[in-house]
Amino acid sequence: MLYFSGYAFGASSVMHSIFAKKMAQSIGWVTNGFQYEIASVCLGLSIGCFYALQHGRDAQIAISLPVITFLFFAGINHAKEMIVNKNLAPNNTFILIWDFGISISLAALLLTLP
């Protein structure tokens, strides 16, 4: 999960920085700089995921907590956008699979650790 997440967060960092305007449009939002903040967070989470894979269980647990928190609340925000603002843009809707899928999966894995 962390290996996949590391690559996905790395790709997200590129998309939210180099292709910021296009990415904002695909989410149904207007470019206002938020993408660069998201790009920075995603880069840090990507690096953290890869670091944790090389440094054992404690590091994996430590990076899982911000990944779970970030993705879960991002998912809530995207769902709110769908309901309140009727924002059904492709990258505002399909991202819920990633946001809730990864956060719930990682949380379940953490809860089943001995």
Protein backbone atom coordinates (compact mmCIF):
# COMPACT_ATOMS: atom_id res chain seq x y z
CA MET A 1 0.00 0.00 0.00
CA LEU A 2 2.76 2.45 0.90
CA TYR A 3 4.75 1.57 -2.21
CA PHE A 4 1.74 2.31 -4.42
CA SER A 5 0.92 5.42 -2.40
CA GLY A 6 4.46 6.74 -2.75
CA TYR A 7 4.25 6.62 -6.54
CA ALA A 8 0.69 7.98 -6.61
CA PHE A 9 1.59 10.91 -4.35
CA GLY A 10 4.64 11.60 -6.52
CA ALA A 11 2.46 11.70 -9.64
CA SER A 12 -0.05 13.91 -7.84
CA SER A 13 2.74 16.31 -6.89
CA VAL A 14 3.74 16.64 -10.54
CA MET A 15 0.15 17.06 -11.70
CA HIS A 16 -0.63 19.72 -9.07
CA SER A 17 2.55 21.71 -9.81
CA ILE A 18 3.63 21.38 -13.43
CA PHE A 19 0.09 20.96 -14.75
CA ALA A 20 -1.61 23.06 -12.06
CA LYS A 21 -4.08 24.96 -14.24
CA LYS A 22 -5.20 21.88 -16.16
CA MET A 23 -5.51 19.88 -12.96
CA ALA A 24 -7.66 22.53 -11.28
CA GLN A 25 -9.97 22.57 -14.31
CA SER A 26 -10.28 18.77 -14.24
CA ILE A 27 -11.39 18.98 -10.59
CA GLY A 28 -13.90 21.69 -11.44
CA TRP A 29 -12.03 24.39 -9.57
CA VAL A 30 -10.36 27.65 -10.51
CA THR A 31 -6.60 28.00 -10.31
CA ASN A 32 -5.75 29.99 -7.19
CA GLY A 33 -2.51 28.53 -5.94
CA PHE A 34 -4.01 25.73 -3.84
CA GLN A 35 -2.43 23.24 -6.22
CA TYR A 36 1.09 24.22 -5.15
CA GLU A 37 0.21 23.56 -1.52
CA ILE A 38 -1.26 20.19 -2.48
CA ALA A 39 1.82 19.47 -4.62
CA SER A 40 4.08 20.16 -1.63
CA VAL A 41 2.07 17.92 0.68
CA CYS A 42 1.98 15.14 -1.91
CA LEU A 43 5.73 15.37 -2.47
CA GLY A 44 6.37 15.10 1.27
CA LEU A 45 4.00 12.16 1.62
CA SER A 46 5.61 10.45 -1.38
CA ILE A 47 9.09 10.81 0.09
CA GLY A 48 7.78 9.71 3.49
CA CYS A 49 6.17 6.57 2.04
CA PHE A 50 9.39 5.52 0.32
CA TYR A 51 11.43 6.31 3.42
CA ALA A 52 9.09 4.27 5.61
CA LEU A 53 9.40 1.25 3.33
CA GLN A 54 13.13 1.15 4.05
CA HIS A 55 12.96 1.89 7.79
CA GLY A 56 10.61 -0.63 9.32
CA ARG A 57 7.26 -0.92 10.97
CA ASP A 58 7.42 2.14 13.21
CA ALA A 59 8.19 4.38 10.23
CA GLN A 60 5.39 2.74 8.25
CA ILE A 61 2.92 3.39 11.03
CA ALA A 62 4.16 6.96 11.38
CA ILE A 63 3.66 7.82 7.68
CA SER A 64 0.32 6.01 7.53
CA LEU A 65 -1.25 8.42 10.03
CA PRO A 66 -0.83 11.61 7.95
CA VAL A 67 -1.68 9.71 4.74
CA ILE A 68 -4.93 8.43 6.28
CA THR A 69 -5.83 11.83 7.70
CA PHE A 70 -5.03 13.79 4.53
CA LEU A 71 -6.84 11.44 2.16
CA PHE A 72 -9.90 10.90 4.35
CA PHE A 73 -10.54 14.61 4.81
CA ALA A 74 -9.74 15.32 1.14
CA GLY A 75 -12.43 12.75 0.32
CA ILE A 76 -14.91 14.50 2.59
CA ASN A 77 -14.14 17.79 0.85
CA HIS A 78 -14.62 16.27 -2.60
CA ALA A 79 -17.91 14.64 -1.51
CA LYS A 80 -19.09 17.98 -0.09
CA GLU A 81 -18.25 19.64 -3.43
CA MET A 82 -20.37 17.03 -5.20
CA ILE A 83 -23.36 17.50 -2.90
CA VAL A 84 -23.30 21.23 -2.15
CA ASN A 85 -21.88 22.65 -5.40
CA LYS A 86 -23.01 19.87 -7.76
CA ASN A 87 -19.37 19.54 -8.85
CA LEU A 88 -19.34 16.28 -10.80
CA ALA A 89 -16.08 16.94 -12.64
CA PRO A 90 -14.19 13.70 -13.31
CA ASN A 91 -11.29 14.43 -10.95
CA ASN A 92 -13.66 15.56 -8.22
CA THR A 93 -15.70 12.35 -8.32
CA PHE A 94 -13.39 9.47 -9.25
CA ILE A 95 -10.78 10.64 -6.76
CA LEU A 96 -13.11 9.42 -4.00
CA ILE A 97 -12.02 5.86 -4.82
CA TRP A 98 -8.43 6.86 -4.01
CA ASP A 99 -9.24 9.13 -1.07
CA PHE A 100 -11.47 6.71 0.81
CA GLY A 101 -10.02 3.48 -0.57
CA ILE A 102 -6.46 4.13 0.54
CA SER A 103 -7.34 5.82 3.82
CA ILE A 104 -9.75 3.08 4.88
CA SER A 105 -7.40 0.31 3.71
CA LEU A 106 -4.43 1.74 5.60
CA ALA A 107 -6.55 2.30 8.72
CA ALA A 108 -7.77 -1.31 8.56
CA LEU A 109 -4.19 -2.54 8.20
CA LEU A 110 -3.10 -0.48 11.20
CA LEU A 111 -5.97 -1.76 13.30
CA THR A 112 -5.10 -5.37 12.52
CA LEU A 113 -1.44 -5.07 13.53
CA PRO A 114 -0.55 -7.31 16.45
